[in-house]
N, C-alpha and C. Protein backbone atom coordinates (compact mmCIF):
# COMPACT_ATOMS: atom_id res chain seq x y z
N MET A 1 219.46 -118.93 -63.91
CA MET A 1 218.75 -118.22 -65.16
C MET A 1 218.82 -119.43 -66.41
N ALA A 2 217.77 -119.59 -66.98
CA ALA A 2 217.84 -120.40 -67.91
C ALA A 2 218.30 -119.77 -69.34
N ARG A 3 219.04 -120.75 -70.05
CA ARG A 3 219.53 -120.26 -71.50
C ARG A 3 218.64 -120.28 -72.32
N VAL A 4 218.74 -119.26 -73.31
CA VAL A 4 217.65 -119.18 -74.50
C VAL A 4 218.44 -119.72 -75.66
N ASP A 5 217.67 -120.69 -76.21
CA ASP A 5 218.23 -121.42 -77.45
C ASP A 5 217.90 -120.67 -78.51
N GLY A 6 218.36 -121.25 -79.83
CA GLY A 6 218.26 -120.45 -81.05
C GLY A 6 216.94 -120.26 -81.61
N LYS A 7 215.94 -121.37 -81.30
CA LYS A 7 214.70 -121.37 -81.76
C LYS A 7 213.72 -120.22 -80.88
N GLU A 8 214.01 -120.29 -79.65
CA GLU A 8 213.42 -119.49 -78.74
C GLU A 8 213.89 -117.87 -79.14
N ARG A 9 214.84 -117.51 -79.37
CA ARG A 9 215.41 -116.24 -79.54
C ARG A 9 214.92 -115.72 -81.09
N GLU A 10 214.63 -116.73 -81.90
CA GLU A 10 213.91 -116.53 -83.35
C GLU A 10 212.62 -116.25 -83.09
N ILE A 11 211.85 -116.75 -82.10
CA ILE A 11 210.33 -116.77 -81.87
C ILE A 11 210.34 -115.37 -81.21
N VAL A 12 211.30 -114.87 -80.17
CA VAL A 12 211.10 -113.46 -79.66
C VAL A 12 211.35 -112.42 -80.49
N ARG A 13 212.61 -112.79 -81.72
CA ARG A 13 212.67 -111.73 -82.48
C ARG A 13 211.40 -111.42 -83.44
N ALA A 14 210.74 -112.50 -83.95
CA ALA A 14 209.69 -112.57 -84.78
C ALA A 14 208.55 -111.95 -84.04
N GLU A 15 208.45 -112.25 -82.84
CA GLU A 15 207.37 -111.47 -81.99
C GLU A 15 207.37 -110.05 -81.82
N LEU A 16 208.58 -109.39 -81.51
CA LEU A 16 208.98 -108.13 -81.55
C LEU A 16 208.90 -107.50 -83.03
N ALA A 17 209.26 -107.96 -83.98
CA ALA A 17 209.03 -107.52 -85.36
C ALA A 17 207.55 -107.37 -85.57
N GLY A 18 206.84 -108.36 -85.16
CA GLY A 18 205.21 -108.30 -85.36
C GLY A 18 204.68 -107.26 -84.61
N GLU A 19 205.29 -107.00 -83.14
CA GLU A 19 204.59 -106.01 -82.56
C GLU A 19 204.94 -104.42 -82.93
N GLU A 20 206.22 -104.46 -83.65
CA GLU A 20 206.57 -103.18 -84.25
C GLU A 20 205.79 -103.02 -85.46
N GLU A 21 205.39 -103.89 -86.22
CA GLU A 21 204.66 -103.92 -87.37
C GLU A 21 203.19 -103.33 -86.95
N LYS A 22 202.48 -104.13 -85.85
CA LYS A 22 201.29 -103.92 -85.43
C LYS A 22 201.07 -102.41 -84.96
N ILE A 23 202.23 -101.73 -84.32
CA ILE A 23 202.02 -100.46 -83.95
C ILE A 23 202.19 -99.52 -85.04
N LYS A 24 202.95 -99.96 -86.04
CA LYS A 24 202.94 -98.99 -87.06
C LYS A 24 201.64 -98.78 -87.99
N ILE A 25 201.10 -99.99 -87.91
CA ILE A 25 199.70 -100.25 -88.70
C ILE A 25 198.54 -99.41 -87.85
N GLU A 26 198.63 -99.59 -86.43
CA GLU A 26 197.49 -98.77 -85.75
C GLU A 26 197.92 -97.35 -85.86
N LYS A 27 199.22 -96.94 -85.82
CA LYS A 27 199.27 -95.46 -86.16
C LYS A 27 198.73 -95.02 -87.53
N ASP A 28 198.91 -95.83 -88.56
CA ASP A 28 198.58 -95.54 -89.95
C ASP A 28 197.01 -95.23 -90.13
N ILE A 29 196.11 -96.39 -89.24
CA ILE A 29 194.86 -96.47 -89.23
C ILE A 29 194.24 -95.03 -88.50
N PHE A 30 195.05 -94.64 -87.39
CA PHE A 30 194.60 -93.55 -86.55
C PHE A 30 194.70 -92.30 -87.53
N ASP A 31 195.90 -92.39 -88.30
CA ASP A 31 196.00 -91.08 -89.17
C ASP A 31 195.00 -91.09 -90.25
N PHE A 32 194.53 -92.15 -90.57
CA PHE A 32 193.53 -92.20 -91.80
C PHE A 32 192.29 -91.77 -91.27
N GLU A 33 191.90 -92.22 -89.87
CA GLU A 33 190.70 -91.72 -89.21
C GLU A 33 190.84 -90.23 -89.12
N LYS A 34 191.90 -89.71 -88.75
CA LYS A 34 191.98 -87.96 -88.64
C LYS A 34 191.65 -87.44 -89.87
N LYS A 35 192.48 -88.15 -91.04
CA LYS A 35 192.19 -87.49 -92.42
C LYS A 35 190.63 -87.76 -92.90
N LEU A 36 190.22 -88.82 -92.37
CA LEU A 36 188.64 -89.05 -92.94
C LEU A 36 187.65 -88.08 -92.26
N GLY A 37 187.91 -87.64 -91.10
CA GLY A 37 187.24 -86.46 -90.41
C GLY A 37 187.27 -85.04 -91.46
N GLN A 38 188.44 -84.82 -91.89
CA GLN A 38 188.71 -83.65 -92.78
C GLN A 38 188.19 -83.94 -94.05
N TYR A 39 188.18 -85.06 -94.65
CA TYR A 39 187.38 -85.36 -95.99
C TYR A 39 186.11 -85.26 -95.87
N LEU A 40 185.55 -85.74 -94.87
CA LEU A 40 184.16 -85.74 -94.60
C LEU A 40 183.51 -84.05 -94.52
N THR A 41 184.43 -83.56 -93.76
CA THR A 41 183.94 -81.95 -93.61
C THR A 41 184.01 -81.40 -95.01
N SER A 42 185.08 -81.55 -95.65
CA SER A 42 185.24 -81.07 -97.17
C SER A 42 183.96 -81.39 -98.07
N PHE A 43 183.79 -82.87 -97.95
CA PHE A 43 182.54 -83.59 -98.89
C PHE A 43 181.43 -82.64 -98.37
N ASN A 44 180.88 -82.66 -97.07
CA ASN A 44 179.75 -81.77 -96.78
C ASN A 44 179.68 -80.46 -97.19
N GLN A 45 180.82 -79.86 -97.11
CA GLN A 45 180.82 -78.35 -97.64
C GLN A 45 180.54 -78.25 -99.04
N TYR A 46 181.20 -79.06 -99.79
CA TYR A 46 180.96 -79.00 -101.12
C TYR A 46 179.48 -79.30 -101.75
N LEU A 47 178.98 -80.35 -100.87
CA LEU A 47 177.48 -80.85 -101.24
C LEU A 47 176.63 -79.43 -100.70
N THR A 48 176.91 -78.91 -99.72
CA THR A 48 176.03 -77.53 -99.22
C THR A 48 176.08 -76.74 -100.11
N SER A 49 177.49 -76.54 -100.63
CA SER A 49 177.34 -75.45 -101.63
C SER A 49 176.71 -75.80 -102.95
N ALA A 50 176.83 -76.95 -103.30
CA ALA A 50 176.03 -77.28 -104.56
C ALA A 50 174.41 -77.20 -104.36
N VAL A 51 173.89 -77.38 -103.13
CA VAL A 51 172.62 -77.18 -102.78
C VAL A 51 172.24 -76.04 -102.68
N ASP A 52 173.10 -74.97 -102.15
CA ASP A 52 172.76 -73.55 -102.11
C ASP A 52 172.64 -72.84 -103.55
N HIS A 53 173.63 -73.49 -104.40
CA HIS A 53 173.59 -72.94 -105.97
C HIS A 53 172.15 -73.30 -106.55
N LEU A 54 171.89 -74.59 -106.24
CA LEU A 54 170.53 -75.09 -106.83
C LEU A 54 169.37 -74.41 -106.34
N ARG A 55 169.49 -73.70 -105.17
CA ARG A 55 168.30 -73.33 -104.62
C ARG A 55 168.43 -71.68 -105.11
N SER A 56 169.57 -71.01 -105.28
CA SER A 56 169.72 -69.64 -105.52
C SER A 56 169.72 -69.39 -106.92
N SER A 57 170.14 -70.18 -107.96
CA SER A 57 170.32 -70.04 -109.33
C SER A 57 169.24 -70.72 -110.05
N PRO A 58 168.99 -70.14 -111.25
CA PRO A 58 167.82 -70.81 -111.95
C PRO A 58 168.45 -71.57 -112.76
N TYR A 59 169.85 -71.78 -112.78
CA TYR A 59 170.82 -72.69 -113.81
C TYR A 59 171.24 -73.70 -113.02
N PRO A 60 170.79 -75.08 -112.86
CA PRO A 60 171.36 -76.13 -112.21
C PRO A 60 172.70 -76.26 -112.40
N TYR A 61 173.18 -76.05 -113.80
CA TYR A 61 174.57 -76.33 -113.90
C TYR A 61 175.44 -75.59 -113.25
N ASP A 62 175.09 -74.68 -112.57
CA ASP A 62 176.10 -73.73 -111.58
C ASP A 62 176.48 -74.66 -110.52
N ALA A 63 175.78 -75.69 -110.07
CA ALA A 63 176.29 -76.59 -109.16
C ALA A 63 177.30 -77.65 -109.22
N LYS A 64 177.60 -77.74 -110.70
CA LYS A 64 178.34 -78.78 -111.09
C LYS A 64 179.77 -78.70 -110.79
N PRO A 65 180.47 -77.57 -110.72
CA PRO A 65 182.05 -77.36 -109.99
C PRO A 65 181.92 -78.26 -108.57
N TYR A 66 180.83 -77.60 -107.85
CA TYR A 66 180.91 -78.32 -106.50
C TYR A 66 180.59 -79.69 -106.42
N LEU A 67 179.79 -80.12 -107.25
CA LEU A 67 179.45 -81.63 -107.20
C LEU A 67 180.74 -82.40 -107.59
N GLU A 68 181.31 -81.93 -108.56
CA GLU A 68 182.65 -82.64 -109.01
C GLU A 68 183.67 -82.47 -107.97
N LYS A 69 183.65 -81.46 -107.29
CA LYS A 69 184.64 -81.55 -106.09
C LYS A 69 184.33 -82.37 -105.01
N ALA A 70 183.12 -82.67 -104.92
CA ALA A 70 182.45 -83.55 -103.79
C ALA A 70 182.75 -85.05 -104.43
N ARG A 71 182.75 -85.22 -105.42
CA ARG A 71 182.92 -86.53 -106.21
C ARG A 71 184.29 -86.86 -106.03
N PHE A 72 185.39 -86.00 -106.34
CA PHE A 72 186.76 -86.22 -105.86
C PHE A 72 187.10 -86.53 -104.60
N VAL A 73 186.58 -85.78 -103.63
CA VAL A 73 186.71 -85.97 -102.29
C VAL A 73 186.05 -87.48 -101.86
N LEU A 74 184.99 -87.85 -102.45
CA LEU A 74 184.42 -89.07 -102.21
C LEU A 74 185.33 -90.14 -102.52
N LYS A 75 185.91 -90.03 -103.88
CA LYS A 75 186.78 -90.93 -104.33
C LYS A 75 188.16 -91.05 -103.55
N ASP A 76 188.48 -90.02 -102.97
CA ASP A 76 189.66 -90.40 -102.13
C ASP A 76 189.30 -90.82 -100.89
N ILE A 77 188.11 -90.76 -100.33
CA ILE A 77 187.62 -91.51 -99.01
C ILE A 77 187.50 -92.85 -99.28
N MET A 78 186.99 -93.25 -100.60
CA MET A 78 187.01 -94.83 -101.10
C MET A 78 188.30 -95.18 -100.81
N GLU A 79 189.05 -94.85 -101.38
CA GLU A 79 190.56 -95.17 -101.47
C GLU A 79 191.07 -95.39 -100.07
N MET A 80 191.08 -94.35 -99.35
CA MET A 80 191.36 -94.32 -97.83
C MET A 80 190.90 -95.51 -97.20
N LEU A 81 189.42 -95.79 -97.28
CA LEU A 81 188.93 -96.87 -96.78
C LEU A 81 189.24 -98.18 -97.12
N LYS A 82 189.51 -98.26 -98.52
CA LYS A 82 190.26 -99.51 -98.92
C LYS A 82 191.57 -99.74 -98.33
N GLU A 83 192.46 -98.73 -98.12
CA GLU A 83 193.69 -98.93 -97.55
C GLU A 83 193.42 -99.24 -96.17
N THR A 84 192.65 -98.90 -95.35
CA THR A 84 192.38 -99.00 -94.08
C THR A 84 191.73 -100.56 -93.85
N LYS A 85 191.14 -101.12 -94.75
CA LYS A 85 190.54 -102.41 -94.80
C LYS A 85 191.83 -103.12 -95.00
N SER A 86 192.69 -102.91 -95.82
CA SER A 86 193.88 -103.69 -96.20
C SER A 86 194.77 -103.77 -95.00
N LEU A 87 194.85 -102.63 -94.20
CA LEU A 87 195.65 -102.65 -93.05
C LEU A 87 195.14 -103.50 -91.93
N GLU A 88 193.68 -103.41 -91.82
CA GLU A 88 193.12 -104.15 -90.84
C GLU A 88 193.43 -105.65 -90.92
N GLU A 89 193.20 -106.15 -92.27
CA GLU A 89 193.31 -107.49 -92.61
C GLU A 89 194.82 -107.87 -92.23
N LYS A 90 195.98 -107.06 -92.63
CA LYS A 90 197.06 -107.22 -92.16
C LYS A 90 197.28 -107.48 -90.74
N LEU A 91 196.60 -106.63 -89.88
CA LEU A 91 196.74 -106.54 -88.39
C LEU A 91 196.16 -107.70 -87.87
N ILE A 92 195.03 -108.21 -88.57
CA ILE A 92 194.48 -109.75 -88.21
C ILE A 92 195.70 -110.84 -88.44
N SER A 93 196.14 -110.65 -89.51
CA SER A 93 197.15 -111.72 -89.94
C SER A 93 198.28 -111.64 -88.85
N LEU A 94 198.72 -110.51 -88.40
CA LEU A 94 199.90 -110.45 -87.66
C LEU A 94 199.42 -110.98 -86.16
N THR A 95 198.07 -110.85 -85.84
CA THR A 95 197.72 -111.25 -84.64
C THR A 95 197.54 -113.05 -84.55
N THR A 96 197.22 -113.32 -85.62
CA THR A 96 197.23 -115.04 -85.92
C THR A 96 198.52 -115.28 -85.54
N VAL A 97 199.64 -114.84 -86.38
CA VAL A 97 200.93 -115.44 -86.34
C VAL A 97 201.44 -115.29 -84.72
N GLU A 98 201.02 -114.06 -84.26
CA GLU A 98 201.39 -114.05 -82.63
C GLU A 98 200.86 -115.00 -81.95
N LYS A 99 199.59 -115.47 -82.09
CA LYS A 99 199.02 -116.69 -81.36
C LYS A 99 199.86 -117.77 -81.61
N LYS A 100 200.30 -117.96 -82.78
CA LYS A 100 201.07 -119.15 -83.27
C LYS A 100 202.38 -119.28 -82.54
N PHE A 101 203.05 -118.20 -82.62
CA PHE A 101 204.24 -117.95 -81.68
C PHE A 101 204.08 -118.17 -80.32
N LEU A 102 202.87 -117.58 -79.68
CA LEU A 102 202.86 -117.87 -78.19
C LEU A 102 202.57 -119.56 -77.96
N LYS A 103 201.96 -120.02 -78.95
CA LYS A 103 201.79 -121.47 -78.69
C LYS A 103 203.05 -122.10 -78.83
N GLU A 104 203.92 -121.97 -79.60
CA GLU A 104 205.13 -122.59 -79.87
C GLU A 104 205.96 -122.12 -78.59
N GLU A 105 205.91 -120.99 -78.10
CA GLU A 105 206.56 -120.56 -76.69
C GLU A 105 206.10 -121.40 -75.59
N GLN A 106 204.95 -121.68 -75.56
CA GLN A 106 204.48 -122.21 -74.47
C GLN A 106 204.66 -123.88 -74.26
N GLU A 107 204.96 -124.27 -75.57
CA GLU A 107 205.28 -125.75 -75.97
C GLU A 107 206.74 -125.93 -75.54
N THR A 108 207.66 -124.90 -75.86
CA THR A 108 209.10 -125.20 -75.62
C THR A 108 209.38 -124.73 -74.01
N ALA A 109 208.57 -124.22 -73.33
CA ALA A 109 208.67 -123.68 -71.93
C ALA A 109 208.70 -124.96 -70.98
């Protein structure tokens, strides 16, 4: 059995840390996807309520509370999408580092 030197050990540790981070990021992205479905449902319900009030009331202003709630949900959706984009960029970065480590590992083998 071949001995593992310090550099190889560090490469393996870095690869494991990267894999753990990738798993955490993927879990966060799946959680965001689940929340996004819930937010879209709420957004559609608020818009539907606003349209219903516009149709049934002679006062368009009656739809304002529903439109405000829809706007807040939309704001939350946009923030979640920004966070997801950030996580995806971090995941790409980790994959790039992983490729670098694999290349170093191949060179030392």
